[in-house]
Amino acid sequence: MAEDLTSWLLTQTAAQASRMVNERFLQVEARGYHYRLLKALLEGGRMSQADLGRRTGIHLSDLVAALNEMQESGYIRRAPNPDDRRRNIISITDEGRERAEQLTRQVLVIQEELLEPLDQQERDQLRGLLRKLYDHHLGQGFPPLSKM
């Protein structure tokens, strides 16, 4: 039966996790892209729009839409690159830092809900096994679909 296949279980669990992320972020009027972009800016500092897209794995059309939303909300700032005025440099604002903290708290709620039936040792073991599979397949030439 399909329910006995590891690939089926992974796919179904990933779909549930995606649903949980979407629902929980909607509760605070956000999307997963917002979290990924804010975290990338916090970790990497200001960067070009192209670098931000590569770092987060967000497709260009989705990236532009998310950046537009975040700029309208005051979470990021776009400025022309002084070396190439055709390109934009993206930086996080103070409001964006506060929003990143709020979304990080929401991510912790999501993680807790997703992993609720597992104790800490099982959570660590699951994370380690998934990391091992992920790294292996990256090494086989399968690119990541996206980064959080």
C-alpha atoms as a PDB file:
ATOM      1  CA  MET A   1       0.000   0.000   0.000  1.00  0.00           C
ATOM      2  CA  ALA A   2       1.083   3.563  -0.682  1.00  0.00           C
ATOM      3  CA  GLU A   3       0.780   4.419   3.018  1.00  0.00           C
ATOM      4  CA  ASP A   4       3.713   2.095   3.698  1.00  0.00           C
ATOM      5  CA  LEU A   5       6.069   3.870   1.290  1.00  0.00           C
ATOM      6  CA  THR A   6       8.536   6.279   2.876  1.00  0.00           C
ATOM      7  CA  SER A   7       8.277   8.616  -0.117  1.00  0.00           C
ATOM      8  CA  TRP A   8       4.492   8.779   0.271  1.00  0.00           C
ATOM      9  CA  LEU A   9       4.784   9.505   4.004  1.00  0.00           C
ATOM     10  CA  LEU A  10       7.364  12.241   3.366  1.00  0.00           C
ATOM     11  CA  THR A  11       5.194  13.817   0.669  1.00  0.00           C
ATOM     12  CA  GLN A  12       2.069  13.759   2.826  1.00  0.00           C
ATOM     13  CA  THR A  13       3.907  15.137   5.862  1.00  0.00           C
ATOM     14  CA  ALA A  14       5.464  17.887   3.728  1.00  0.00           C
ATOM     15  CA  ALA A  15       2.007  18.819   2.439  1.00  0.00           C
ATOM     16  CA  GLN A  16       0.684  18.987   6.015  1.00  0.00           C
ATOM     17  CA  ALA A  17       3.663  21.106   7.086  1.00  0.00           C
ATOM     18  CA  SER A  18       3.088  23.470   4.159  1.00  0.00           C
ATOM     19  CA  ARG A  19      -0.585  23.812   5.079  1.00  0.00           C
ATOM     20  CA  MET A  20       0.326  24.568   8.694  1.00  0.00           C
ATOM     21  CA  VAL A  21       2.887  27.187   7.662  1.00  0.00           C
ATOM     22  CA  ASN A  22       0.421  28.890   5.317  1.00  0.00           C
ATOM     23  CA  GLU A  23      -2.414  28.890   7.860  1.00  0.00           C
ATOM     24  CA  ARG A  24      -0.293  30.125  10.765  1.00  0.00           C
ATOM     25  CA  PHE A  25       1.346  32.888   8.727  1.00  0.00           C
ATOM     26  CA  LEU A  26      -2.064  33.992   7.440  1.00  0.00           C
ATOM     27  CA  GLN A  27      -3.079  34.482  11.077  1.00  0.00           C
ATOM     28  CA  VAL A  28      -0.490  37.267  11.295  1.00  0.00           C
ATOM     29  CA  GLU A  29      -1.057  38.509   7.733  1.00  0.00           C
ATOM     30  CA  ALA A  30       2.201  37.102   6.384  1.00  0.00           C
ATOM     31  CA  ARG A  31       3.500  34.514   3.971  1.00  0.00           C
ATOM     32  CA  GLY A  32       6.423  32.138   4.220  1.00  0.00           C
ATOM     33  CA  TYR A  33       8.282  34.232   1.659  1.00  0.00           C
ATOM     34  CA  HIS A  34       8.188  37.195   4.039  1.00  0.00           C
ATOM     35  CA  TYR A  35       9.868  35.188   6.775  1.00  0.00           C
ATOM     36  CA  ARG A  36      12.520  33.795   4.435  1.00  0.00           C
ATOM     37  CA  LEU A  37      13.353  37.222   3.043  1.00  0.00           C
ATOM     38  CA  LEU A  38      13.533  38.941   6.415  1.00  0.00           C
ATOM     39  CA  LYS A  39      15.710  36.161   7.869  1.00  0.00           C
ATOM     40  CA  ALA A  40      18.050  36.333   4.868  1.00  0.00           C
ATOM     41  CA  LEU A  41      18.423  40.101   5.322  1.00  0.00           C
ATOM     42  CA  LEU A  42      19.024  39.720   9.056  1.00  0.00           C
ATOM     43  CA  GLU A  43      21.677  37.055   8.476  1.00  0.00           C
ATOM     44  CA  GLY A  44      23.310  38.458   5.340  1.00  0.00           C
ATOM     45  CA  GLY A  45      22.788  42.192   5.668  1.00  0.00           C
ATOM     46  CA  ARG A  46      21.787  44.421   2.799  1.00  0.00           C
ATOM     47  CA  MET A  47      22.123  42.803  -0.587  1.00  0.00           C
ATOM     48  CA  SER A  48      21.061  43.069  -4.170  1.00  0.00           C
ATOM     49  CA  GLN A  49      17.646  41.840  -5.166  1.00  0.00           C
ATOM     50  CA  ALA A  50      19.301  39.162  -7.322  1.00  0.00           C
ATOM     51  CA  ASP A  51      21.470  37.944  -4.427  1.00  0.00           C
ATOM     52  CA  LEU A  52      18.437  37.882  -2.156  1.00  0.00           C
ATOM     53  CA  GLY A  53      16.568  35.765  -4.685  1.00  0.00           C
ATOM     54  CA  ARG A  54      19.471  33.323  -4.986  1.00  0.00           C
ATOM     55  CA  ARG A  55      19.953  33.135  -1.225  1.00  0.00           C
ATOM     56  CA  THR A  56      16.280  32.377  -0.541  1.00  0.00           C
ATOM     57  CA  GLY A  57      15.558  30.263  -3.624  1.00  0.00           C
ATOM     58  CA  ILE A  58      12.512  32.393  -4.411  1.00  0.00           C
ATOM     59  CA  HIS A  59      11.643  32.696  -8.109  1.00  0.00           C
ATOM     60  CA  LEU A  60      12.059  36.214  -9.508  1.00  0.00           C
ATOM     61  CA  SER A  61       8.356  36.892 -10.132  1.00  0.00           C
ATOM     62  CA  ASP A  62       7.440  35.733  -6.609  1.00  0.00           C
ATOM     63  CA  LEU A  63      10.389  37.660  -5.177  1.00  0.00           C
ATOM     64  CA  VAL A  64       9.318  40.955  -6.742  1.00  0.00           C
ATOM     65  CA  ALA A  65       5.723  40.530  -5.521  1.00  0.00           C
ATOM     66  CA  ALA A  66       6.853  39.689  -1.975  1.00  0.00           C
ATOM     67  CA  LEU A  67       9.325  42.600  -1.904  1.00  0.00           C
ATOM     68  CA  ASN A  68       6.588  44.960  -3.111  1.00  0.00           C
ATOM     69  CA  GLU A  69       4.317  43.795  -0.268  1.00  0.00           C
ATOM     70  CA  MET A  70       7.086  44.136   2.282  1.00  0.00           C
ATOM     71  CA  GLN A  71       8.122  47.573   1.066  1.00  0.00           C
ATOM     72  CA  GLU A  72       4.503  48.790   1.242  1.00  0.00           C
ATOM     73  CA  SER A  73       4.360  47.510   4.834  1.00  0.00           C
ATOM     74  CA  GLY A  74       7.621  49.273   5.706  1.00  0.00           C
ATOM     75  CA  TYR A  75       9.611  46.083   6.413  1.00  0.00           C
ATOM     76  CA  ILE A  76      12.265  46.588   3.742  1.00  0.00           C
ATOM     77  CA  ARG A  77      13.836  49.451   1.871  1.00  0.00           C
ATOM     78  CA  ARG A  78      14.878  49.406  -1.788  1.00  0.00           C
ATOM     79  CA  ALA A  79      17.569  51.778  -2.997  1.00  0.00           C
ATOM     80  CA  PRO A  80      19.420  51.976  -6.295  1.00  0.00           C
ATOM     81  CA  ASN A  81      22.818  50.310  -6.246  1.00  0.00           C
ATOM     82  CA  PRO A  82      25.390  53.149  -6.404  1.00  0.00           C
ATOM     83  CA  ASP A  83      27.616  50.976  -8.636  1.00  0.00           C
ATOM     84  CA  ASP A  84      24.809  50.053 -11.050  1.00  0.00           C
ATOM     85  CA  ARG A  85      21.696  52.216 -10.816  1.00  0.00           C
ATOM     86  CA  ARG A  86      19.681  49.641 -12.789  1.00  0.00           C
ATOM     87  CA  ARG A  87      19.868  47.283  -9.802  1.00  0.00           C
ATOM     88  CA  ASN A  88      18.336  47.573  -6.346  1.00  0.00           C
ATOM     89  CA  ILE A  89      19.889  47.053  -2.940  1.00  0.00           C
ATOM     90  CA  ILE A  90      17.458  45.665  -0.366  1.00  0.00           C
ATOM     91  CA  SER A  91      17.818  46.377   3.350  1.00  0.00           C
ATOM     92  CA  ILE A  92      15.689  45.597   6.367  1.00  0.00           C
ATOM     93  CA  THR A  93      14.067  48.400   8.369  1.00  0.00           C
ATOM     94  CA  ASP A  94      13.510  48.571  12.122  1.00  0.00           C
ATOM     95  CA  GLU A  95       9.887  47.600  11.460  1.00  0.00           C
ATOM     96  CA  GLY A  96      11.209  44.657   9.448  1.00  0.00           C
ATOM     97  CA  ARG A  97      13.362  43.533  12.374  1.00  0.00           C
ATOM     98  CA  GLU A  98      10.313  43.601  14.635  1.00  0.00           C
ATOM     99  CA  ARG A  99       8.305  41.708  12.022  1.00  0.00           C
ATOM    100  CA  ALA A 100      11.060  39.088  11.736  1.00  0.00           C
ATOM    101  CA  GLU A 101      10.880  38.554  15.507  1.00  0.00           C
ATOM    102  CA  GLN A 102       7.105  38.157  15.309  1.00  0.00           C
ATOM    103  CA  LEU A 103       7.364  35.690  12.427  1.00  0.00           C
ATOM    104  CA  THR A 104      10.110  33.753  14.220  1.00  0.00           C
ATOM    105  CA  ARG A 105       7.745  33.297  17.156  1.00  0.00           C
ATOM    106  CA  GLN A 106       5.110  32.073  14.712  1.00  0.00           C
ATOM    107  CA  VAL A 107       7.592  29.617  13.171  1.00  0.00           C
ATOM    108  CA  LEU A 108       8.278  28.190  16.635  1.00  0.00           C
ATOM    109  CA  VAL A 109       4.533  27.654  17.110  1.00  0.00           C
ATOM    110  CA  ILE A 110       4.378  25.895  13.742  1.00  0.00           C
ATOM    111  CA  GLN A 111       7.370  23.679  14.564  1.00  0.00           C
ATOM    112  CA  GLU A 112       5.847  22.732  17.897  1.00  0.00           C
ATOM    113  CA  GLU A 113       2.505  21.901  16.306  1.00  0.00           C
ATOM    114  CA  LEU A 114       4.097  19.878  13.504  1.00  0.00           C
ATOM    115  CA  LEU A 115       6.342  17.868  15.818  1.00  0.00           C
ATOM    116  CA  GLU A 116       3.879  17.577  18.710  1.00  0.00           C
ATOM    117  CA  PRO A 117       3.748  13.753  18.836  1.00  0.00           C
ATOM    118  CA  LEU A 118       7.573  13.471  19.038  1.00  0.00           C
ATOM    119  CA  ASP A 119       9.751  13.856  22.113  1.00  0.00           C
ATOM    120  CA  GLN A 120      12.977  15.894  21.878  1.00  0.00           C
ATOM    121  CA  GLN A 121      15.174  12.889  21.099  1.00  0.00           C
ATOM    122  CA  GLU A 122      12.841  11.816  18.288  1.00  0.00           C
ATOM    123  CA  ARG A 123      12.762  15.387  16.938  1.00  0.00           C
ATOM    124  CA  ASP A 124      16.556  15.532  16.882  1.00  0.00           C
ATOM    125  CA  GLN A 125      16.738  12.119  15.240  1.00  0.00           C
ATOM    126  CA  LEU A 126      14.153  13.048  12.590  1.00  0.00           C
ATOM    127  CA  ARG A 127      15.936  16.330  11.814  1.00  0.00           C
ATOM    128  CA  GLY A 128      19.264  14.509  11.523  1.00  0.00           C
ATOM    129  CA  LEU A 129      17.872  11.843   9.213  1.00  0.00           C
ATOM    130  CA  LEU A 130      16.104  14.382   7.014  1.00  0.00           C
ATOM    131  CA  ARG A 131      19.294  16.482   6.854  1.00  0.00           C
ATOM    132  CA  LYS A 132      21.252  13.381   5.803  1.00  0.00           C
ATOM    133  CA  LEU A 133      18.772  12.612   2.999  1.00  0.00           C
ATOM    134  CA  TYR A 134      18.617  16.242   1.895  1.00  0.00           C
ATOM    135  CA  ASP A 135      22.403  16.641   1.786  1.00  0.00           C
ATOM    136  CA  HIS A 136      22.806  13.344  -0.068  1.00  0.00           C
ATOM    137  CA  HIS A 137      20.385  14.316  -2.818  1.00  0.00           C
ATOM    138  CA  LEU A 138      21.894  17.790  -3.129  1.00  0.00           C
ATOM    139  CA  GLY A 139      25.218  16.036  -3.695  1.00  0.00           C
ATOM    140  CA  GLN A 140      23.602  13.982  -6.445  1.00  0.00           C
ATOM    141  CA  GLY A 141      22.868  17.130  -8.414  1.00  0.00           C
ATOM    142  CA  PHE A 142      19.279  17.715  -7.293  1.00  0.00           C
ATOM    143  CA  PRO A 143      19.046  21.436  -6.540  1.00  0.00           C
ATOM    144  CA  PRO A 144      17.097  22.662  -3.523  1.00  0.00           C
ATOM    145  CA  LEU A 145      13.539  23.673  -4.373  1.00  0.00           C
ATOM    146  CA  SER A 146      13.608  26.550  -1.912  1.00  0.00           C
ATOM    147  CA  LYS A 147      15.136  27.663   1.346  1.00  0.00           C
ATOM    148  CA  MET A 148      13.451  28.861   4.521  1.00  0.00           C
END
